PDB file of N, CA and C in Angstrom:
ATOM      1  N   MET A   1       0.836  -1.187   0.000  1.00  0.00           N
ATOM      2  CA  MET A   1       0.000   0.000   0.000  1.00  0.00           C
ATOM      3  C   MET A   1       0.878   1.248   0.000  1.00  0.00           C
ATOM      4  N   LYS A   2       0.551   2.216  -0.862  1.00  0.00           N
ATOM      5  CA  LYS A   2       1.340   3.433  -0.986  1.00  0.00           C
ATOM      6  C   LYS A   2       0.917   4.456   0.054  1.00  0.00           C
ATOM      7  N   ASN A   3       1.916   5.216   0.536  1.00  0.00           N
ATOM      8  CA  ASN A   3       1.546   6.306   1.442  1.00  0.00           C
ATOM      9  C   ASN A   3       1.211   7.542   0.615  1.00  0.00           C
ATOM     10  N   LYS A   4       0.808   8.628   1.270  1.00  0.00           N
ATOM     11  CA  LYS A   4       0.345   9.817   0.551  1.00  0.00           C
ATOM     12  C   LYS A   4       1.438  10.435  -0.306  1.00  0.00           C
ATOM     13  N   GLU A   5       2.685  10.419   0.147  1.00  0.00           N
ATOM     14  CA  GLU A   5       3.765  10.990  -0.648  1.00  0.00           C
ATOM     15  C   GLU A   5       3.961  10.220  -1.942  1.00  0.00           C
ATOM     16  N   GLU A   6       3.889   8.901  -1.875  1.00  0.00           N
ATOM     17  CA  GLU A   6       4.076   8.083  -3.065  1.00  0.00           C
ATOM     18  C   GLU A   6       2.916   8.252  -4.045  1.00  0.00           C
ATOM     19  N   GLU A   7       1.732   8.541  -3.541  1.00  0.00           N
ATOM     20  CA  GLU A   7       0.567   8.709  -4.392  1.00  0.00           C
ATOM     21  C   GLU A   7       0.595  10.036  -5.136  1.00  0.00           C
ATOM     22  N   LYS A   8       1.231  11.037  -4.567  1.00  0.00           N
ATOM     23  CA  LYS A   8       1.255  12.355  -5.173  1.00  0.00           C
ATOM     24  C   LYS A   8       2.162  12.344  -6.404  1.00  0.00           C
ATOM     25  N   GLU A   9       1.614  12.783  -7.539  1.00  0.00           N
ATOM     26  CA  GLU A   9       2.399  12.847  -8.756  1.00  0.00           C
ATOM     27  C   GLU A   9       3.299  14.074  -8.716  1.00  0.00           C
ATOM     28  N   PHE A  10       4.425  13.968  -9.412  1.00  0.00           N
ATOM     29  CA  PHE A  10       5.342  15.095  -9.512  1.00  0.00           C
ATOM     30  C   PHE A  10       4.678  16.198 -10.328  1.00  0.00           C
ATOM     31  N   GLU A  11       4.758  17.420  -9.838  1.00  0.00           N
ATOM     32  CA  GLU A  11       4.140  18.559 -10.501  1.00  0.00           C
ATOM     33  C   GLU A  11       5.208  19.423 -11.159  1.00  0.00           C
ATOM     34  N   ILE A  12       5.001  19.733 -12.444  1.00  0.00           N
ATOM     35  CA  ILE A  12       5.907  20.649 -13.147  1.00  0.00           C
ATOM     36  C   ILE A  12       5.505  22.059 -12.747  1.00  0.00           C
ATOM     37  N   ARG A  13       6.376  22.720 -12.002  1.00  0.00           N
ATOM     38  CA  ARG A  13       6.159  24.090 -11.535  1.00  0.00           C
ATOM     39  C   ARG A  13       7.514  24.647 -11.142  1.00  0.00           C
ATOM     40  N   ALA A  14       7.572  25.890 -10.722  1.00  0.00           N
ATOM     41  CA  ALA A  14       8.815  26.474 -10.216  1.00  0.00           C
ATOM     42  C   ALA A  14       9.133  25.838  -8.859  1.00  0.00           C
ATOM     43  N   TYR A  15      10.391  25.551  -8.630  1.00  0.00           N
ATOM     44  CA  TYR A  15      10.845  24.960  -7.369  1.00  0.00           C
ATOM     45  C   TYR A  15      12.066  25.711  -6.877  1.00  0.00           C
ATOM     46  N   ASP A  16      12.191  25.849  -5.555  1.00  0.00           N
ATOM     47  CA  ASP A  16      13.474  26.260  -5.000  1.00  0.00           C
ATOM     48  C   ASP A  16      14.467  25.179  -5.386  1.00  0.00           C
ATOM     49  N   LYS A  17      15.694  25.561  -5.657  1.00  0.00           N
ATOM     50  CA  LYS A  17      16.675  24.573  -6.111  1.00  0.00           C
ATOM     51  C   LYS A  17      16.855  23.446  -5.097  1.00  0.00           C
ATOM     52  N   VAL A  18      16.917  23.789  -3.830  1.00  0.00           N
ATOM     53  CA  VAL A  18      17.096  22.762  -2.799  1.00  0.00           C
ATOM     54  C   VAL A  18      15.867  21.858  -2.737  1.00  0.00           C
ATOM     55  N   GLU A  19      14.689  22.438  -2.882  1.00  0.00           N
ATOM     56  CA  GLU A  19      13.454  21.655  -2.847  1.00  0.00           C
ATOM     57  C   GLU A  19      13.457  20.595  -3.954  1.00  0.00           C
ATOM     58  N   LEU A  20      13.814  20.994  -5.175  1.00  0.00           N
ATOM     59  CA  LEU A  20      13.853  20.036  -6.281  1.00  0.00           C
ATOM     60  C   LEU A  20      14.971  19.024  -6.065  1.00  0.00           C
ATOM     61  N   ALA A  21      16.116  19.487  -5.592  1.00  0.00           N
ATOM     62  CA  ALA A  21      17.244  18.581  -5.355  1.00  0.00           C
ATOM     63  C   ALA A  21      16.870  17.499  -4.343  1.00  0.00           C
ATOM     64  N   LEU A  22      16.128  17.863  -3.312  1.00  0.00           N
ATOM     65  CA  LEU A  22      15.727  16.876  -2.306  1.00  0.00           C
ATOM     66  C   LEU A  22      14.732  15.860  -2.870  1.00  0.00           C
ATOM     67  N   LEU A  23      13.962  16.253  -3.872  1.00  0.00           N
ATOM     68  CA  LEU A  23      13.073  15.291  -4.531  1.00  0.00           C
ATOM     69  C   LEU A  23      13.889  14.263  -5.319  1.00  0.00           C
ATOM     70  N   TYR A  24      14.982  14.713  -5.935  1.00  0.00           N
ATOM     71  CA  TYR A  24      15.856  13.809  -6.681  1.00  0.00           C
ATOM     72  C   TYR A  24      16.762  12.995  -5.759  1.00  0.00           C
ATOM     73  N   CYS A  25      17.118  13.545  -4.619  1.00  0.00           N
ATOM     74  CA  CYS A  25      18.053  12.890  -3.705  1.00  0.00           C
ATOM     75  C   CYS A  25      17.477  12.849  -2.290  1.00  0.00           C
ATOM     76  N   PRO A  26      16.403  12.112  -2.082  1.00  0.00           N
ATOM     77  CA  PRO A  26      15.806  12.079  -0.742  1.00  0.00           C
ATOM     78  C   PRO A  26      16.759  11.454   0.270  1.00  0.00           C
ATOM     79  N   GLY A  27      16.657  11.913   1.491  1.00  0.00           N
ATOM     80  CA  GLY A  27      17.489  11.355   2.552  1.00  0.00           C
ATOM     81  C   GLY A  27      18.844  12.024   2.692  1.00  0.00           C
ATOM     82  N   ARG A  28      19.161  12.938   1.802  1.00  0.00           N
ATOM     83  CA  ARG A  28      20.431  13.668   1.908  1.00  0.00           C
ATOM     84  C   ARG A  28      20.152  15.047   2.480  1.00  0.00           C
ATOM     85  N   SER A  29      21.206  15.708   2.913  1.00  0.00           N
ATOM     86  CA  SER A  29      21.034  17.090   3.375  1.00  0.00           C
ATOM     87  C   SER A  29      20.730  17.952   2.158  1.00  0.00           C
ATOM     88  N   GLY A  30      20.142  19.113   2.372  1.00  0.00           N
ATOM     89  CA  GLY A  30      19.827  20.004   1.271  1.00  0.00           C
ATOM     90  C   GLY A  30      21.057  20.379   0.470  1.00  0.00           C
ATOM     91  N   GLU A  31      22.144  20.666   1.168  1.00  0.00           N
ATOM     92  CA  GLU A  31      23.386  21.071   0.506  1.00  0.00           C
ATOM     93  C   GLU A  31      23.938  19.950  -0.368  1.00  0.00           C
ATOM     94  N   THR A  32      23.973  18.746   0.162  1.00  0.00           N
ATOM     95  CA  THR A  32      24.489  17.606  -0.595  1.00  0.00           C
ATOM     96  C   THR A  32      23.591  17.280  -1.778  1.00  0.00           C
ATOM     97  N   ALA A  33      22.286  17.319  -1.572  1.00  0.00           N
ATOM     98  CA  ALA A  33      21.345  17.041  -2.653  1.00  0.00           C
ATOM     99  C   ALA A  33      21.496  18.069  -3.771  1.00  0.00           C
ATOM    100  N   LEU A  34      21.643  19.331  -3.415  1.00  0.00           N
ATOM    101  CA  LEU A  34      21.791  20.375  -4.421  1.00  0.00           C
ATOM    102  C   LEU A  34      23.089  20.204  -5.201  1.00  0.00           C
ATOM    103  N   ARG A  35      24.172  19.931  -4.509  1.00  0.00           N
ATOM    104  CA  ARG A  35      25.450  19.707  -5.210  1.00  0.00           C
ATOM    105  C   ARG A  35      25.324  18.549  -6.195  1.00  0.00           C
ATOM    106  N   THR A  36      24.660  17.481  -5.765  1.00  0.00           N
ATOM    107  CA  THR A  36      24.486  16.313  -6.632  1.00  0.00           C
ATOM    108  C   THR A  36      23.654  16.662  -7.853  1.00  0.00           C
ATOM    109  N   LEU A  37      22.515  17.318  -7.661  1.00  0.00           N
ATOM    110  CA  LEU A  37      21.660  17.672  -8.789  1.00  0.00           C
ATOM    111  C   LEU A  37      22.380  18.605  -9.759  1.00  0.00           C
ATOM    112  N   LEU A  38      23.063  19.613  -9.243  1.00  0.00           N
ATOM    113  CA  LEU A  38      23.772  20.540 -10.116  1.00  0.00           C
ATOM    114  C   LEU A  38      24.885  19.838 -10.887  1.00  0.00           C
ATOM    115  N   ARG A  39      25.521  18.859 -10.267  1.00  0.00           N
ATOM    116  CA  ARG A  39      26.547  18.076 -10.970  1.00  0.00           C
ATOM    117  C   ARG A  39      25.914  17.277 -12.105  1.00  0.00           C
ATOM    118  N   TRP A  40      24.769  16.643 -11.838  1.00  0.00           N
ATOM    119  CA  TRP A  40      24.075  15.890 -12.885  1.00  0.00           C
ATOM    120  C   TRP A  40      23.709  16.803 -14.050  1.00  0.00           C
ATOM    121  N   ILE A  41      23.247  18.002 -13.732  1.00  0.00           N
ATOM    122  CA  ILE A  41      22.857  18.955 -14.772  1.00  0.00           C
ATOM    123  C   ILE A  41      24.074  19.356 -15.600  1.00  0.00           C
ATOM    124  N   ARG A  42      25.169  19.707 -14.935  1.00  0.00           N
ATOM    125  CA  ARG A  42      26.384  20.124 -15.646  1.00  0.00           C
ATOM    126  C   ARG A  42      26.938  19.014 -16.530  1.00  0.00           C
ATOM    127  N   GLN A  43      26.823  17.772 -16.091  1.00  0.00           N
ATOM    128  CA  GLN A  43      27.383  16.643 -16.837  1.00  0.00           C
ATOM    129  C   GLN A  43      26.515  16.224 -18.022  1.00  0.00           C
ATOM    130  N   CYS A  44      25.323  16.754 -18.130  1.00  0.00           N
ATOM    131  CA  CYS A  44      24.421  16.429 -19.237  1.00  0.00           C
ATOM    132  C   CYS A  44      24.441  17.596 -20.225  1.00  0.00           C
ATOM    133  N   ALA A  45      25.331  17.509 -21.220  1.00  0.00           N
ATOM    134  CA  ALA A  45      25.504  18.609 -22.175  1.00  0.00           C
ATOM    135  C   ALA A  45      24.203  18.994 -22.884  1.00  0.00           C
ATOM    136  N   PRO A  46      23.386  18.029 -23.340  1.00  0.00           N
ATOM    137  CA  PRO A  46      22.135  18.435 -23.999  1.00  0.00           C
ATOM    138  C   PRO A  46      21.203  19.205 -23.051  1.00  0.00           C
ATOM    139  N   LEU A  47      21.193  18.843 -21.779  1.00  0.00           N
ATOM    140  CA  LEU A  47      20.376  19.561 -20.802  1.00  0.00           C
ATOM    141  C   LEU A  47      20.919  20.969 -20.607  1.00  0.00           C
ATOM    142  N   MET A  48      22.221  21.104 -20.476  1.00  0.00           N
ATOM    143  CA  MET A  48      22.820  22.434 -20.316  1.00  0.00           C
ATOM    144  C   MET A  48      22.488  23.319 -21.519  1.00  0.00           C
ATOM    145  N   GLU A  49      22.564  22.761 -22.715  1.00  0.00           N
ATOM    146  CA  GLU A  49      22.218  23.523 -23.921  1.00  0.00           C
ATOM    147  C   GLU A  49      20.758  23.964 -23.880  1.00  0.00           C
ATOM    148  N   ALA A  50      19.870  23.047 -23.495  1.00  0.00           N
ATOM    149  CA  ALA A  50      18.440  23.366 -23.427  1.00  0.00           C
ATOM    150  C   ALA A  50      18.179  24.458 -22.401  1.00  0.00           C
ATOM    151  N   LEU A  51      18.882  24.411 -21.273  1.00  0.00           N
ATOM    152  CA  LEU A  51      18.702  25.441 -20.245  1.00  0.00           C
ATOM    153  C   LEU A  51      19.253  26.789 -20.714  1.00  0.00           C
ATOM    154  N   GLU A  52      20.398  26.762 -21.365  1.00  0.00           N
ATOM    155  CA  GLU A  52      20.990  28.012 -21.848  1.00  0.00           C
ATOM    156  C   GLU A  52      20.120  28.665 -22.905  1.00  0.00           C
ATOM    157  N   GLU A  53      19.431  27.867 -23.716  1.00  0.00           N
ATOM    158  CA  GLU A  53      18.541  28.410 -24.755  1.00  0.00           C
ATOM    159  C   GLU A  53      17.415  29.246 -24.157  1.00  0.00           C
ATOM    160  N   ILE A  54      16.996  28.929 -22.954  1.00  0.00           N
ATOM    161  CA  ILE A  54      15.898  29.675 -22.328  1.00  0.00           C
ATOM    162  C   ILE A  54      16.400  30.676 -21.290  1.00  0.00           C
ATOM    163  N   GLY A  55      17.715  30.902 -21.249  1.00  0.00           N
ATOM    164  CA  GLY A  55      18.264  31.933 -20.377  1.00  0.00           C
ATOM    165  C   GLY A  55      18.464  31.521 -18.936  1.00  0.00           C
ATOM    166  N   TYR A  56      18.836  30.264 -18.701  1.00  0.00           N
ATOM    167  CA  TYR A  56      19.073  29.766 -17.344  1.00  0.00           C
ATOM    168  C   TYR A  56      20.102  30.628 -16.627  1.00  0.00           C
ATOM    169  N   ASN A  57      19.780  31.024 -15.414  1.00  0.00           N
ATOM    170  CA  ASN A  57      20.674  31.822 -14.577  1.00  0.00           C
ATOM    171  C   ASN A  57      21.053  30.963 -13.379  1.00  0.00           C
ATOM    172  N   ASN A  58      22.309  30.510 -13.336  1.00  0.00           N
ATOM    173  CA  ASN A  58      22.716  29.601 -12.261  1.00  0.00           C
ATOM    174  C   ASN A  58      22.819  30.296 -10.903  1.00  0.00           C
ATOM    175  N   ARG A  59      22.715  31.608 -10.862  1.00  0.00           N
ATOM    176  CA  ARG A  59      22.778  32.330  -9.585  1.00  0.00           C
ATOM    177  C   ARG A  59      21.407  32.476  -8.930  1.00  0.00           C
ATOM    178  N   ARG A  60      20.349  32.204  -9.677  1.00  0.00           N
ATOM    179  CA  ARG A  60      18.999  32.281  -9.133  1.00  0.00           C
ATOM    180  C   ARG A  60      18.797  31.133  -8.144  1.00  0.00           C
ATOM    181  N   HIS A  61      18.001  31.344  -7.126  1.00  0.00           N
ATOM    182  CA  HIS A  61      17.769  30.332  -6.093  1.00  0.00           C
ATOM    183  C   HIS A  61      16.595  29.418  -6.408  1.00  0.00           C
ATOM    184  N   ARG A  62      15.971  29.651  -7.549  1.00  0.00           N
ATOM    185  CA  ARG A  62      14.824  28.825  -7.958  1.00  0.00           C
ATOM    186  C   ARG A  62      15.035  28.328  -9.375  1.00  0.00           C
ATOM    187  N   PHE A  63      14.437  27.186  -9.666  1.00  0.00           N
ATOM    188  CA  PHE A  63      14.315  26.728 -11.040  1.00  0.00           C
ATOM    189  C   PHE A  63      12.943  27.183 -11.523  1.00  0.00           C
ATOM    190  N   LEU A  64      12.895  27.868 -12.648  1.00  0.00           N
ATOM    191  CA  LEU A  64      11.624  28.276 -13.222  1.00  0.00           C
ATOM    192  C   LEU A  64      10.916  27.062 -13.816  1.00  0.00           C
ATOM    193  N   ARG A  65       9.622  27.211 -14.068  1.00  0.00           N
ATOM    194  CA  ARG A  65       8.822  26.106 -14.601  1.00  0.00           C
ATOM    195  C   ARG A  65       9.447  25.551 -15.887  1.00  0.00           C
ATOM    196  N   GLN A  66       9.864  26.439 -16.796  1.00  0.00           N
ATOM    197  CA  GLN A  66      10.482  25.999 -18.058  1.00  0.00           C
ATOM    198  C   GLN A  66      11.753  25.192 -17.789  1.00  0.00           C
ATOM    199  N   GLU A  67      12.516  25.610 -16.804  1.00  0.00           N
ATOM    200  CA  GLU A  67      13.758  24.898 -16.473  1.00  0.00           C
ATOM    201  C   GLU A  67      13.445  23.525 -15.899  1.00  0.00           C
ATOM    202  N   VAL A  68      12.439  23.445 -15.036  1.00  0.00           N
ATOM    203  CA  VAL A  68      12.035  22.164 -14.456  1.00  0.00           C
ATOM    204  C   VAL A  68      11.569  21.222 -15.564  1.00  0.00           C
ATOM    205  N   GLU A  69      10.819  21.734 -16.537  1.00  0.00           N
ATOM    206  CA  GLU A  69      10.373  20.902 -17.661  1.00  0.00           C
ATOM    207  C   GLU A  69      11.559  20.269 -18.368  1.00  0.00           C
ATOM    208  N   ARG A  70      12.589  21.047 -18.607  1.00  0.00           N
ATOM    209  CA  ARG A  70      13.767  20.529 -19.309  1.00  0.00           C
ATOM    210  C   ARG A  70      14.565  19.564 -18.441  1.00  0.00           C
ATOM    211  N   ILE A  71      14.681  19.867 -17.169  1.00  0.00           N
ATOM    212  CA  ILE A  71      15.395  18.967 -16.262  1.00  0.00           C
ATOM    213  C   ILE A  71      14.713  17.605 -16.242  1.00  0.00           C
ATOM    214  N   VAL A  72      13.396  17.605 -16.132  1.00  0.00           N
ATOM    215  CA  VAL A  72      12.643  16.350 -16.092  1.00  0.00           C
ATOM    216  C   VAL A  72      12.754  15.617 -17.432  1.00  0.00           C
ATOM    217  N   ARG A  73      12.758  16.371 -18.532  1.00  0.00           N
ATOM    218  CA  ARG A  73      12.883  15.743 -19.846  1.00  0.00           C
ATOM    219  C   ARG A  73      14.193  14.963 -19.962  1.00  0.00           C
ATOM    220  N   PHE A  74      15.273  15.519 -19.433  1.00  0.00           N
ATOM    221  CA  PHE A  74      16.580  14.892 -19.587  1.00  0.00           C
ATOM    222  C   PHE A  74      16.959  13.959 -18.437  1.00  0.00           C
ATOM    223  N   LEU A  75      16.510  14.250 -17.222  1.00  0.00           N
ATOM    224  CA  LEU A  75      16.896  13.432 -16.064  1.00  0.00           C
ATOM    225  C   LEU A  75      15.782  12.513 -15.592  1.00  0.00           C
ATOM    226  N   GLY A  76      14.575  12.706 -16.110  1.00  0.00           N
ATOM    227  CA  GLY A  76      13.437  11.925 -15.649  1.00  0.00           C
ATOM    228  C   GLY A  76      12.821  12.562 -14.419  1.00  0.00           C
ATOM    229  N   GLU A  77      11.651  12.055 -14.039  1.00  0.00           N
ATOM    230  CA  GLU A  77      10.983  12.581 -12.849  1.00  0.00           C
ATOM    231  C   GLU A  77      11.704  12.111 -11.595  1.00  0.00           C
ATOM    232  N   PRO A  78      11.720  12.981 -10.582  1.00  0.00           N
ATOM    233  CA  PRO A  78      12.356  12.537  -9.321  1.00  0.00           C
ATOM    234  C   PRO A  78      11.528  11.461  -8.634  1.00  0.00           C
TER     235      PRO A  78
END
């Protein structure tokens, strides 16, 4: 039987970077999860290109909805 968290589908929307990172890396600290997610993003050249095409700003503390769409397209749902 699934609990409520497992039943909830992933929603494409704007996320704080740490919030999204924790969805991809549950059980880790926010800092570690964020470092891991950002490393995955940097290592995926097609994803980096897709993000740069829409004006990704790595200094922003949030991923915009468009950025989340591309991240999910290349890395899959968390």
